[in-house]
PDB file of N, CA and C in Angstrom:
ATOM      1  N   UNK A   1      31.946 128.202 171.381  1.00  0.00           N
ATOM      2  CA  UNK A   1      31.942 127.982 169.931  1.00  0.00           C
ATOM      3  C   UNK A   1      33.210 127.249 169.521  1.00  0.00           C
ATOM      4  N   UNK A   2      33.100 126.154 168.764  1.00  0.00           N
ATOM      5  CA  UNK A   2      34.320 125.451 168.354  1.00  0.00           C
ATOM      6  C   UNK A   2      35.114 126.287 167.349  1.00  0.00           C
ATOM      7  N   UNK A   3      36.413 126.158 167.419  1.00  0.00           N
ATOM      8  CA  UNK A   3      37.275 126.873 166.477  1.00  0.00           C
ATOM      9  C   UNK A   3      37.084 126.308 165.080  1.00  0.00           C
ATOM     10  N   UNK A   4      37.039 127.163 164.112  1.00  0.00           N
ATOM     11  CA  UNK A   4      36.882 126.722 162.723  1.00  0.00           C
ATOM     12  C   UNK A   4      38.233 126.249 162.182  1.00  0.00           C
ATOM     13  N   UNK A   5      38.204 125.181 161.414  1.00  0.00           N
ATOM     14  CA  UNK A   5      39.424 124.726 160.749  1.00  0.00           C
ATOM     15  C   UNK A   5      39.793 125.769 159.699  1.00  0.00           C
ATOM     16  N   UNK A   6      41.046 126.153 159.685  1.00  0.00           N
ATOM     17  CA  UNK A   6      41.437 127.167 158.702  1.00  0.00           C
ATOM     18  C   UNK A   6      41.580 126.518 157.329  1.00  0.00           C
ATOM     19  N   UNK A   7      41.218 127.263 156.329  1.00  0.00           N
ATOM     20  CA  UNK A   7      41.366 126.765 154.963  1.00  0.00           C
ATOM     21  C   UNK A   7      42.445 127.607 154.295  1.00  0.00           C
ATOM     22  N   UNK A   8      43.669 127.316 154.658  1.00  0.00           N
ATOM     23  CA  UNK A   8      44.800 128.048 154.115  1.00  0.00           C
ATOM     24  C   UNK A   8      45.222 127.422 152.796  1.00  0.00           C
ATOM     25  N   UNK A   9      45.393 128.232 151.777  1.00  0.00           N
ATOM     26  CA  UNK A   9      45.849 127.639 150.505  1.00  0.00           C
ATOM     27  C   UNK A   9      47.216 126.977 150.671  1.00  0.00           C
ATOM     28  N   UNK A  10      47.385 125.833 150.064  1.00  0.00           N
ATOM     29  CA  UNK A  10      48.675 125.151 150.086  1.00  0.00           C
ATOM     30  C   UNK A  10      49.387 125.446 148.770  1.00  0.00           C
ATOM     31  N   UNK A  11      50.596 124.961 148.629  1.00  0.00           N
ATOM     32  CA  UNK A  11      51.347 125.170 147.389  1.00  0.00           C
ATOM     33  C   UNK A  11      50.473 124.795 146.204  1.00  0.00           C
ATOM     34  N   UNK A  12      50.476 125.604 145.200  1.00  0.00           N
ATOM     35  CA  UNK A  12      49.649 125.333 144.035  1.00  0.00           C
ATOM     36  C   UNK A  12      48.248 125.892 144.189  1.00  0.00           C
ATOM     37  N   UNK A  13      47.984 126.572 145.325  1.00  0.00           N
ATOM     38  CA  UNK A  13      46.695 127.221 145.500  1.00  0.00           C
ATOM     39  C   UNK A  13      45.564 126.266 145.828  1.00  0.00           C
ATOM     40  N   UNK A  14      45.851 125.018 146.163  1.00  0.00           N
ATOM     41  CA  UNK A  14      44.806 124.055 146.464  1.00  0.00           C
ATOM     42  C   UNK A  14      44.173 124.325 147.809  1.00  0.00           C
ATOM     43  N   UNK A  15      43.001 123.757 148.016  1.00  0.00           N
ATOM     44  CA  UNK A  15      42.302 123.905 149.293  1.00  0.00           C
ATOM     45  C   UNK A  15      42.777 122.839 150.255  1.00  0.00           C
ATOM     46  N   UNK A  16      42.828 123.196 151.538  1.00  0.00           N
ATOM     47  CA  UNK A  16      43.136 122.211 152.567  1.00  0.00           C
ATOM     48  C   UNK A  16      42.525 122.667 153.873  1.00  0.00           C
ATOM     49  N   UNK A  17      42.384 121.740 154.796  1.00  0.00           N
ATOM     50  CA  UNK A  17      41.919 122.061 156.137  1.00  0.00           C
ATOM     51  C   UNK A  17      42.778 121.281 157.109  1.00  0.00           C
ATOM     52  N   UNK A  18      43.040 121.878 158.268  1.00  0.00           N
ATOM     53  CA  UNK A  18      43.845 121.182 159.262  1.00  0.00           C
ATOM     54  C   UNK A  18      45.333 121.421 159.059  1.00  0.00           C
ATOM     55  N   UNK A  19      46.127 120.659 159.768  1.00  0.00           N
ATOM     56  CA  UNK A  19      47.568 120.883 159.806  1.00  0.00           C
ATOM     57  C   UNK A  19      48.282 120.026 158.758  1.00  0.00           C
ATOM     58  N   UNK A  20      48.285 120.497 157.521  1.00  0.00           N
ATOM     59  CA  UNK A  20      48.957 119.771 156.442  1.00  0.00           C
ATOM     60  C   UNK A  20      50.463 119.706 156.709  1.00  0.00           C
ATOM     61  N   UNK A  21      51.002 120.755 157.328  1.00  0.00           N
ATOM     62  CA  UNK A  21      52.437 120.788 157.641  1.00  0.00           C
ATOM     63  C   UNK A  21      52.867 119.623 158.519  1.00  0.00           C
ATOM     64  N   UNK A  22      51.991 119.228 159.463  1.00  0.00           N
ATOM     65  CA  UNK A  22      52.323 118.100 160.343  1.00  0.00           C
ATOM     66  C   UNK A  22      52.450 116.809 159.544  1.00  0.00           C
ATOM     67  N   UNK A  23      51.613 116.652 158.521  1.00  0.00           N
ATOM     68  CA  UNK A  23      51.711 115.458 157.672  1.00  0.00           C
ATOM     69  C   UNK A  23      53.038 115.448 156.907  1.00  0.00           C
ATOM     70  N   UNK A  24      53.433 116.623 156.446  1.00  0.00           N
ATOM     71  CA  UNK A  24      54.664 116.725 155.660  1.00  0.00           C
ATOM     72  C   UNK A  24      55.896 116.452 156.502  1.00  0.00           C
ATOM     73  N   UNK A  25      55.856 116.869 157.780  1.00  0.00           N
ATOM     74  CA  UNK A  25      57.058 116.782 158.607  1.00  0.00           C
ATOM     75  C   UNK A  25      57.125 115.505 159.450  1.00  0.00           C
ATOM     76  N   UNK A  26      56.054 114.725 159.498  1.00  0.00           N
ATOM     77  CA  UNK A  26      56.049 113.492 160.306  1.00  0.00           C
ATOM     78  C   UNK A  26      56.947 112.436 159.663  1.00  0.00           C
ATOM     79  N   UNK A  27      57.429 111.487 160.470  1.00  0.00           N
ATOM     80  CA  UNK A  27      58.257 110.407 159.901  1.00  0.00           C
ATOM     81  C   UNK A  27      57.491 109.642 158.808  1.00  0.00           C
ATOM     82  N   UNK A  28      58.122 109.434 157.679  1.00  0.00           N
ATOM     83  CA  UNK A  28      57.442 108.795 156.545  1.00  0.00           C
ATOM     84  C   UNK A  28      57.091 107.340 156.827  1.00  0.00           C
ATOM     85  N   UNK A  29      57.663 106.767 157.890  1.00  0.00           N
ATOM     86  CA  UNK A  29      57.349 105.380 158.257  1.00  0.00           C
ATOM     87  C   UNK A  29      56.041 105.275 159.050  1.00  0.00           C
ATOM     88  N   UNK A  30      55.491 106.409 159.468  1.00  0.00           N
ATOM     89  CA  UNK A  30      54.252 106.412 160.245  1.00  0.00           C
ATOM     90  C   UNK A  30      53.035 106.244 159.341  1.00  0.00           C
ATOM     91  N   UNK A  31      51.869 106.124 159.975  1.00  0.00           N
ATOM     92  CA  UNK A  31      50.605 105.917 159.261  1.00  0.00           C
ATOM     93  C   UNK A  31      49.590 106.955 159.696  1.00  0.00           C
ATOM     94  N   UNK A  32      48.604 107.174 158.847  1.00  0.00           N
ATOM     95  CA  UNK A  32      47.434 107.969 159.184  1.00  0.00           C
ATOM     96  C   UNK A  32      46.217 107.140 158.780  1.00  0.00           C
ATOM     97  N   UNK A  33      45.032 107.566 159.175  1.00  0.00           N
ATOM     98  CA  UNK A  33      43.813 106.879 158.751  1.00  0.00           C
ATOM     99  C   UNK A  33      43.150 107.691 157.656  1.00  0.00           C
ATOM    100  N   UNK A  34      42.982 107.085 156.487  1.00  0.00           N
ATOM    101  CA  UNK A  34      42.205 107.741 155.441  1.00  0.00           C
ATOM    102  C   UNK A  34      40.748 107.405 155.684  1.00  0.00           C
ATOM    103  N   UNK A  35      39.946 108.446 155.861  1.00  0.00           N
ATOM    104  CA  UNK A  35      38.532 108.262 156.185  1.00  0.00           C
ATOM    105  C   UNK A  35      37.650 108.326 154.952  1.00  0.00           C
ATOM    106  N   UNK A  36      38.048 109.167 154.003  1.00  0.00           N
ATOM    107  CA  UNK A  36      37.237 109.337 152.810  1.00  0.00           C
ATOM    108  C   UNK A  36      38.029 110.163 151.804  1.00  0.00           C
ATOM    109  N   UNK A  37      37.517 110.216 150.578  1.00  0.00           N
ATOM    110  CA  UNK A  37      38.089 111.092 149.560  1.00  0.00           C
ATOM    111  C   UNK A  37      36.969 111.470 148.593  1.00  0.00           C
ATOM    112  N   UNK A  38      37.166 112.596 147.909  1.00  0.00           N
ATOM    113  CA  UNK A  38      36.086 113.117 147.074  1.00  0.00           C
ATOM    114  C   UNK A  38      36.639 114.151 146.103  1.00  0.00           C
ATOM    115  N   UNK A  39      35.888 114.381 145.039  1.00  0.00           N
ATOM    116  CA  UNK A  39      36.226 115.473 144.133  1.00  0.00           C
ATOM    117  C   UNK A  39      35.658 116.796 144.660  1.00  0.00           C
ATOM    118  N   UNK A  40      34.852 116.737 145.733  1.00  0.00           N
ATOM    119  CA  UNK A  40      34.197 117.930 146.271  1.00  0.00           C
ATOM    120  C   UNK A  40      34.747 118.254 147.663  1.00  0.00           C
ATOM    121  N   UNK A  41      35.575 119.281 147.731  1.00  0.00           N
ATOM    122  CA  UNK A  41      36.201 119.695 148.988  1.00  0.00           C
ATOM    123  C   UNK A  41      35.168 120.048 150.048  1.00  0.00           C
ATOM    124  N   UNK A  42      34.168 120.844 149.657  1.00  0.00           N
ATOM    125  CA  UNK A  42      33.197 121.325 150.637  1.00  0.00           C
ATOM    126  C   UNK A  42      32.398 120.180 151.251  1.00  0.00           C
ATOM    127  N   UNK A  43      32.028 119.180 150.446  1.00  0.00           N
ATOM    128  CA  UNK A  43      31.297 118.017 150.977  1.00  0.00           C
ATOM    129  C   UNK A  43      32.153 117.269 151.993  1.00  0.00           C
ATOM    130  N   UNK A  44      33.428 117.063 151.655  1.00  0.00           N
ATOM    131  CA  UNK A  44      34.328 116.298 152.520  1.00  0.00           C
ATOM    132  C   UNK A  44      34.578 117.039 153.829  1.00  0.00           C
ATOM    133  N   UNK A  45      34.888 118.321 153.737  1.00  0.00           N
ATOM    134  CA  UNK A  45      35.150 119.127 154.923  1.00  0.00           C
ATOM    135  C   UNK A  45      33.887 119.246 155.771  1.00  0.00           C
ATOM    136  N   UNK A  46      32.734 119.420 155.123  1.00  0.00           N
ATOM    137  CA  UNK A  46      31.465 119.512 155.841  1.00  0.00           C
ATOM    138  C   UNK A  46      31.129 118.238 156.588  1.00  0.00           C
ATOM    139  N   UNK A  47      31.402 117.091 155.954  1.00  0.00           N
ATOM    140  CA  UNK A  47      31.142 115.807 156.604  1.00  0.00           C
ATOM    141  C   UNK A  47      32.038 115.641 157.832  1.00  0.00           C
ATOM    142  N   UNK A  48      33.307 116.017 157.711  1.00  0.00           N
ATOM    143  CA  UNK A  48      34.241 115.909 158.842  1.00  0.00           C
ATOM    144  C   UNK A  48      33.751 116.762 160.013  1.00  0.00           C
ATOM    145  N   UNK A  49      33.264 117.956 159.728  1.00  0.00           N
ATOM    146  CA  UNK A  49      32.746 118.832 160.792  1.00  0.00           C
ATOM    147  C   UNK A  49      31.478 118.255 161.403  1.00  0.00           C
ATOM    148  N   UNK A  50      30.580 117.719 160.557  1.00  0.00           N
ATOM    149  CA  UNK A  50      29.326 117.140 161.046  1.00  0.00           C
ATOM    150  C   UNK A  50      29.604 115.976 161.997  1.00  0.00           C
ATOM    151  N   UNK A  51      30.647 115.212 161.699  1.00  0.00           N
ATOM    152  CA  UNK A  51      31.003 114.066 162.546  1.00  0.00           C
ATOM    153  C   UNK A  51      31.835 114.479 163.764  1.00  0.00           C
ATOM    154  N   UNK A  52      32.081 115.787 163.902  1.00  0.00           N
ATOM    155  CA  UNK A  52      32.884 116.311 165.018  1.00  0.00           C
ATOM    156  C   UNK A  52      34.266 115.668 165.097  1.00  0.00           C
ATOM    157  N   UNK A  53      34.874 115.435 163.950  1.00  0.00           N
ATOM    158  CA  UNK A  53      36.215 114.855 163.942  1.00  0.00           C
ATOM    159  C   UNK A  53      37.218 115.861 164.486  1.00  0.00           C
ATOM    160  N   UNK A  54      38.163 115.360 165.263  1.00  0.00           N
ATOM    161  CA  UNK A  54      39.221 116.192 165.826  1.00  0.00           C
ATOM    162  C   UNK A  54      40.509 115.913 165.049  1.00  0.00           C
ATOM    163  N   UNK A  55      41.306 116.930 164.894  1.00  0.00           N
ATOM    164  CA  UNK A  55      42.635 116.775 164.278  1.00  0.00           C
ATOM    165  C   UNK A  55      42.597 116.107 162.907  1.00  0.00           C
ATOM    166  N   UNK A  56      41.592 116.447 162.130  1.00  0.00           N
ATOM    167  CA  UNK A  56      41.556 115.896 160.782  1.00  0.00           C
ATOM    168  C   UNK A  56      42.258 116.841 159.814  1.00  0.00           C
ATOM    169  N   UNK A  57      42.649 116.292 158.688  1.00  0.00           N
ATOM    170  CA  UNK A  57      43.269 117.085 157.623  1.00  0.00           C
ATOM    171  C   UNK A  57      42.578 116.719 156.311  1.00  0.00           C
ATOM    172  N   UNK A  58      42.227 117.718 155.541  1.00  0.00           N
ATOM    173  CA  UNK A  58      41.784 117.517 154.162  1.00  0.00           C
ATOM    174  C   UNK A  58      42.882 118.120 153.304  1.00  0.00           C
ATOM    175  N   UNK A  59      43.427 117.309 152.409  1.00  0.00           N
ATOM    176  CA  UNK A  59      44.455 117.856 151.525  1.00  0.00           C
ATOM    177  C   UNK A  59      44.096 117.576 150.069  1.00  0.00           C
ATOM    178  N   UNK A  60      44.658 118.402 149.195  1.00  0.00           N
ATOM    179  CA  UNK A  60      44.379 118.276 147.769  1.00  0.00           C
ATOM    180  C   UNK A  60      45.507 117.525 147.081  1.00  0.00           C
ATOM    181  N   UNK A  61      45.109 116.623 146.210  1.00  0.00           N
ATOM    182  CA  UNK A  61      46.040 115.936 145.337  1.00  0.00           C
ATOM    183  C   UNK A  61      45.393 115.934 143.948  1.00  0.00           C
ATOM    184  N   UNK A  62      45.885 115.120 143.056  1.00  0.00           N
ATOM    185  CA  UNK A  62      45.321 115.070 141.707  1.00  0.00           C
ATOM    186  C   UNK A  62      44.985 113.632 141.361  1.00  0.00           C
ATOM    187  N   UNK A  63      43.831 113.438 140.739  1.00  0.00           N
ATOM    188  CA  UNK A  63      43.435 112.113 140.265  1.00  0.00           C
ATOM    189  C   UNK A  63      42.916 112.287 138.839  1.00  0.00           C
ATOM    190  N   UNK A  64      43.503 111.549 137.928  1.00  0.00           N
ATOM    191  CA  UNK A  64      43.130 111.660 136.505  1.00  0.00           C
ATOM    192  C   UNK A  64      43.160 113.104 136.017  1.00  0.00           C
ATOM    193  N   UNK A  65      44.169 113.851 136.487  1.00  0.00           N
ATOM    194  CA  UNK A  65      44.340 115.225 136.049  1.00  0.00           C
ATOM    195  C   UNK A  65      43.402 116.233 136.691  1.00  0.00           C
ATOM    196  N   UNK A  66      42.543 115.786 137.611  1.00  0.00           N
ATOM    197  CA  UNK A  66      41.565 116.665 138.270  1.00  0.00           C
ATOM    198  C   UNK A  66      41.890 116.792 139.760  1.00  0.00           C
ATOM    199  N   UNK A  67      41.508 117.922 140.386  1.00  0.00           N
ATOM    200  CA  UNK A  67      41.704 118.049 141.837  1.00  0.00           C
ATOM    201  C   UNK A  67      40.937 116.944 142.575  1.00  0.00           C
ATOM    202  N   UNK A  68      41.564 116.382 143.583  1.00  0.00           N
ATOM    203  CA  UNK A  68      40.966 115.314 144.386  1.00  0.00           C
ATOM    204  C   UNK A  68      41.327 115.591 145.834  1.00  0.00           C
ATOM    205  N   UNK A  69      40.366 115.448 146.731  1.00  0.00           N
ATOM    206  CA  UNK A  69      40.564 115.791 148.133  1.00  0.00           C
ATOM    207  C   UNK A  69      40.500 114.532 148.993  1.00  0.00           C
ATOM    208  N   UNK A  70      41.419 114.471 149.947  1.00  0.00           N
ATOM    209  CA  UNK A  70      41.553 113.289 150.798  1.00  0.00           C
ATOM    210  C   UNK A  70      41.416 113.728 152.254  1.00  0.00           C
ATOM    211  N   UNK A  71      40.597 112.996 153.009  1.00  0.00           N
ATOM    212  CA  UNK A  71      40.369 113.262 154.433  1.00  0.00           C
ATOM    213  C   UNK A  71      41.106 112.212 155.248  1.00  0.00           C
ATOM    214  N   UNK A  72      42.043 112.665 156.083  1.00  0.00           N
ATOM    215  CA  UNK A  72      42.790 111.759 156.949  1.00  0.00           C
ATOM    216  C   UNK A  72      42.720 112.285 158.383  1.00  0.00           C
ATOM    217  N   UNK A  73      43.009 111.408 159.327  1.00  0.00           N
ATOM    218  CA  UNK A  73      43.073 111.818 160.727  1.00  0.00           C
ATOM    219  C   UNK A  73      44.115 110.997 161.467  1.00  0.00           C
ATOM    220  N   UNK A  74      44.771 111.640 162.413  1.00  0.00           N
ATOM    221  CA  UNK A  74      45.708 110.961 163.295  1.00  0.00           C
ATOM    222  C   UNK A  74      47.040 110.626 162.648  1.00  0.00           C
ATOM    223  N   UNK A  75      48.028 110.392 163.522  1.00  0.00           N
ATOM    224  CA  UNK A  75      49.327 109.891 163.093  1.00  0.00           C
ATOM    225  C   UNK A  75      49.718 108.789 164.054  1.00  0.00           C
ATOM    226  N   UNK A  76      50.133 107.678 163.474  1.00  0.00           N
ATOM    227  CA  UNK A  76      50.389 106.480 164.269  1.00  0.00           C
ATOM    228  C   UNK A  76      51.738 105.902 163.883  1.00  0.00           C
ATOM    229  N   UNK A  77      52.442 105.359 164.885  1.00  0.00           N
ATOM    230  CA  UNK A  77      53.785 104.824 164.660  1.00  0.00           C
ATOM    231  C   UNK A  77      53.760 103.537 163.845  1.00  0.00           C
ATOM    232  N   UNK A  78      52.617 102.824 163.855  1.00  0.00           N
ATOM    233  CA  UNK A  78      52.544 101.557 163.119  1.00  0.00           C
ATOM    234  C   UNK A  78      51.163 101.390 162.492  1.00  0.00           C
ATOM    235  N   UNK A  79      51.096 100.496 161.525  1.00  0.00           N
ATOM    236  CA  UNK A  79      49.824 100.181 160.873  1.00  0.00           C
ATOM    237  C   UNK A  79      48.847  99.610 161.905  1.00  0.00           C
ATOM    238  N   UNK A  80      49.357  98.793 162.828  1.00  0.00           N
ATOM    239  CA  UNK A  80      48.514  98.186 163.860  1.00  0.00           C
ATOM    240  C   UNK A  80      47.901  99.258 164.758  1.00  0.00           C
ATOM    241  N   UNK A  81      48.705 100.265 165.145  1.00  0.00           N
ATOM    242  CA  UNK A  81      48.190 101.356 165.982  1.00  0.00           C
ATOM    243  C   UNK A  81      47.072 102.087 165.247  1.00  0.00           C
ATOM    244  N   UNK A  82      47.262 102.327 163.953  1.00  0.00           N
ATOM    245  CA  UNK A  82      46.253 103.028 163.158  1.00  0.00           C
ATOM    246  C   UNK A  82      44.968 102.209 163.098  1.00  0.00           C
ATOM    247  N   UNK A  83      45.108 100.907 162.864  1.00  0.00           N
ATOM    248  CA  UNK A  83      43.916 100.045 162.788  1.00  0.00           C
ATOM    249  C   UNK A  83      43.169 100.019 164.119  1.00  0.00           C
ATOM    250  N   UNK A  84      43.911  99.988 165.239  1.00  0.00           N
ATOM    251  CA  UNK A  84      43.270  99.989 166.555  1.00  0.00           C
ATOM    252  C   UNK A  84      42.484 101.277 166.777  1.00  0.00           C
ATOM    253  N   UNK A  85      42.971 102.383 166.240  1.00  0.00           N
ATOM    254  CA  UNK A  85      42.327 103.688 166.444  1.00  0.00           C
ATOM    255  C   UNK A  85      40.975 103.783 165.739  1.00  0.00           C
ATOM    256  N   UNK A  86      40.734 102.937 164.753  1.00  0.00           N
ATOM    257  CA  UNK A  86      39.450 102.975 164.031  1.00  0.00           C
ATOM    258  C   UNK A  86      38.291 102.817 165.008  1.00  0.00           C
ATOM    259  N   UNK A  87      38.457 101.979 166.023  1.00  0.00           N
ATOM    260  CA  UNK A  87      37.366 101.716 166.972  1.00  0.00           C
ATOM    261  C   UNK A  87      37.014 102.940 167.812  1.00  0.00           C
ATOM    262  N   UNK A  88      37.870 103.964 167.828  1.00  0.00           N
ATOM    263  CA  UNK A  88      37.598 105.173 168.607  1.00  0.00           C
ATOM    264  C   UNK A  88      36.842 106.220 167.792  1.00  0.00           C
ATOM    265  N   UNK A  89      36.636 105.953 166.505  1.00  0.00           N
ATOM    266  CA  UNK A  89      35.957 106.909 165.626  1.00  0.00           C
ATOM    267  C   UNK A  89      34.436 106.760 165.742  1.00  0.00           C
ATOM    268  N   UNK A  90      33.687 107.827 165.408  1.00  0.00           N
ATOM    269  CA  UNK A  90      32.215 107.719 165.411  1.00  0.00           C
ATOM    270  C   UNK A  90      31.738 106.594 164.483  1.00  0.00           C
ATOM    271  N   UNK A  91      30.602 105.986 164.813  1.00  0.00           N
ATOM    272  CA  UNK A  91      30.085 104.838 164.053  1.00  0.00           C
ATOM    273  C   UNK A  91      29.914 105.146 162.569  1.00  0.00           C
ATOM    274  N   UNK A  92      29.408 106.347 162.253  1.00  0.00           N
ATOM    275  CA  UNK A  92      29.217 106.708 160.844  1.00  0.00           C
ATOM    276  C   UNK A  92      30.536 106.764 160.095  1.00  0.00           C
ATOM    277  N   UNK A  93      31.595 107.147 160.805  1.00  0.00           N
ATOM    278  CA  UNK A  93      32.925 107.217 160.194  1.00  0.00           C
ATOM    279  C   UNK A  93      33.469 105.797 160.016  1.00  0.00           C
ATOM    280  N   UNK A  94      33.302 104.965 161.042  1.00  0.00           N
ATOM    281  CA  UNK A  94      33.743 103.567 160.940  1.00  0.00           C
ATOM    282  C   UNK A  94      33.059 102.854 159.781  1.00  0.00           C
ATOM    283  N   UNK A  95      31.802 103.233 159.507  1.00  0.00           N
ATOM    284  CA  UNK A  95      31.024 102.592 158.445  1.00  0.00           C
ATOM    285  C   UNK A  95      31.640 102.816 157.058  1.00  0.00           C
ATOM    286  N   UNK A  96      32.480 103.841 156.936  1.00  0.00           N
ATOM    287  CA  UNK A  96      33.135 104.116 155.653  1.00  0.00           C
ATOM    288  C   UNK A  96      34.422 103.302 155.478  1.00  0.00           C
ATOM    289  N   UNK A  97      34.675 102.408 156.418  1.00  0.00           N
ATOM    290  CA  UNK A  97      35.860 101.535 156.356  1.00  0.00           C
ATOM    291  C   UNK A  97      37.171 102.298 156.225  1.00  0.00           C
ATOM    292  N   UNK A  98      37.509 103.108 157.250  1.00  0.00           N
ATOM    293  CA  UNK A  98      38.784 103.821 157.218  1.00  0.00           C
ATOM    294  C   UNK A  98      39.936 102.831 157.080  1.00  0.00           C
ATOM    295  N   UNK A  99      40.996 103.247 156.425  1.00  0.00           N
ATOM    296  CA  UNK A  99      42.135 102.346 156.259  1.00  0.00           C
ATOM    297  C   UNK A  99      43.439 103.064 156.588  1.00  0.00           C
ATOM    298  N   UNK A 100      44.388 102.273 157.060  1.00  0.00           N
ATOM    299  CA  UNK A 100      45.699 102.793 157.438  1.00  0.00           C
ATOM    300  C   UNK A 100      46.485 103.109 156.170  1.00  0.00           C
ATOM    301  N   UNK A 101      46.847 104.378 156.030  1.00  0.00           N
ATOM    302  CA  UNK A 101      47.574 104.827 154.840  1.00  0.00           C
ATOM    303  C   UNK A 101      48.982 105.233 155.257  1.00  0.00           C
ATOM    304  N   UNK A 102      49.995 104.671 154.606  1.00  0.00           N
ATOM    305  CA  UNK A 102      51.372 105.052 154.949  1.00  0.00           C
ATOM    306  C   UNK A 102      51.598 106.544 154.691  1.00  0.00           C
ATOM    307  N   UNK A 103      52.257 107.213 155.646  1.00  0.00           N
ATOM    308  CA  UNK A 103      52.506 108.645 155.477  1.00  0.00           C
ATOM    309  C   UNK A 103      53.385 108.931 154.269  1.00  0.00           C
ATOM    310  N   UNK A 104      54.243 107.991 153.881  1.00  0.00           N
ATOM    311  CA  UNK A 104      55.068 108.263 152.702  1.00  0.00           C
ATOM    312  C   UNK A 104      54.197 108.443 151.457  1.00  0.00           C
ATOM    313  N   UNK A 105      53.035 107.765 151.405  1.00  0.00           N
ATOM    314  CA  UNK A 105      52.097 107.965 150.280  1.00  0.00           C
ATOM    315  C   UNK A 105      51.463 109.350 150.347  1.00  0.00           C
ATOM    316  N   UNK A 106      51.063 109.754 151.549  1.00  0.00           N
ATOM    317  CA  UNK A 106      50.470 111.082 151.737  1.00  0.00           C
ATOM    318  C   UNK A 106      51.496 112.145 151.340  1.00  0.00           C
ATOM    319  N   UNK A 107      52.725 111.970 151.802  1.00  0.00           N
ATOM    320  CA  UNK A 107      53.767 112.955 151.511  1.00  0.00           C
ATOM    321  C   UNK A 107      54.053 113.027 150.009  1.00  0.00           C
ATOM    322  N   UNK A 108      53.965 111.904 149.320  1.00  0.00           N
ATOM    323  CA  UNK A 108      54.140 111.914 147.863  1.00  0.00           C
ATOM    324  C   UNK A 108      52.984 112.668 147.204  1.00  0.00           C
ATOM    325  N   UNK A 109      51.751 112.481 147.731  1.00  0.00           N
ATOM    326  CA  UNK A 109      50.582 113.205 147.212  1.00  0.00           C
ATOM    327  C   UNK A 109      50.747 114.717 147.370  1.00  0.00           C
ATOM    328  N   UNK A 110      51.414 115.125 148.442  1.00  0.00           N
ATOM    329  CA  UNK A 110      51.533 116.549 148.770  1.00  0.00           C
ATOM    330  C   UNK A 110      52.664 117.245 148.023  1.00  0.00           C
ATOM    331  N   UNK A 111      53.477 116.507 147.308  1.00  0.00           N
ATOM    332  CA  UNK A 111      54.613 117.110 146.590  1.00  0.00           C
ATOM    333  C   UNK A 111      54.132 117.897 145.391  1.00  0.00           C
TER     334      UNK A 111
END
């Protein structure tokens, strides 16, 4: 049986899945791949599980004053490394046009 991603509340009581702490502590010059985002945490987390994504993180931020959830995966030393990693993702995930997101943006979202 695969281990379930823990949904530990983060600061502010928001929902998250995966290792949000790793995103916070990684070098801000690194990149991650943003796979999707949604106002519905359960849909986003469910889709990540359905696609059998490994090492993904769903974190909560705010958009237009409302909770907004972002799905990211991986940490890469450069934008080029992140872009190359897209080809290793499942086809359905690639179809959503993942993009390399600077970790400093993610870290700002998590503040």
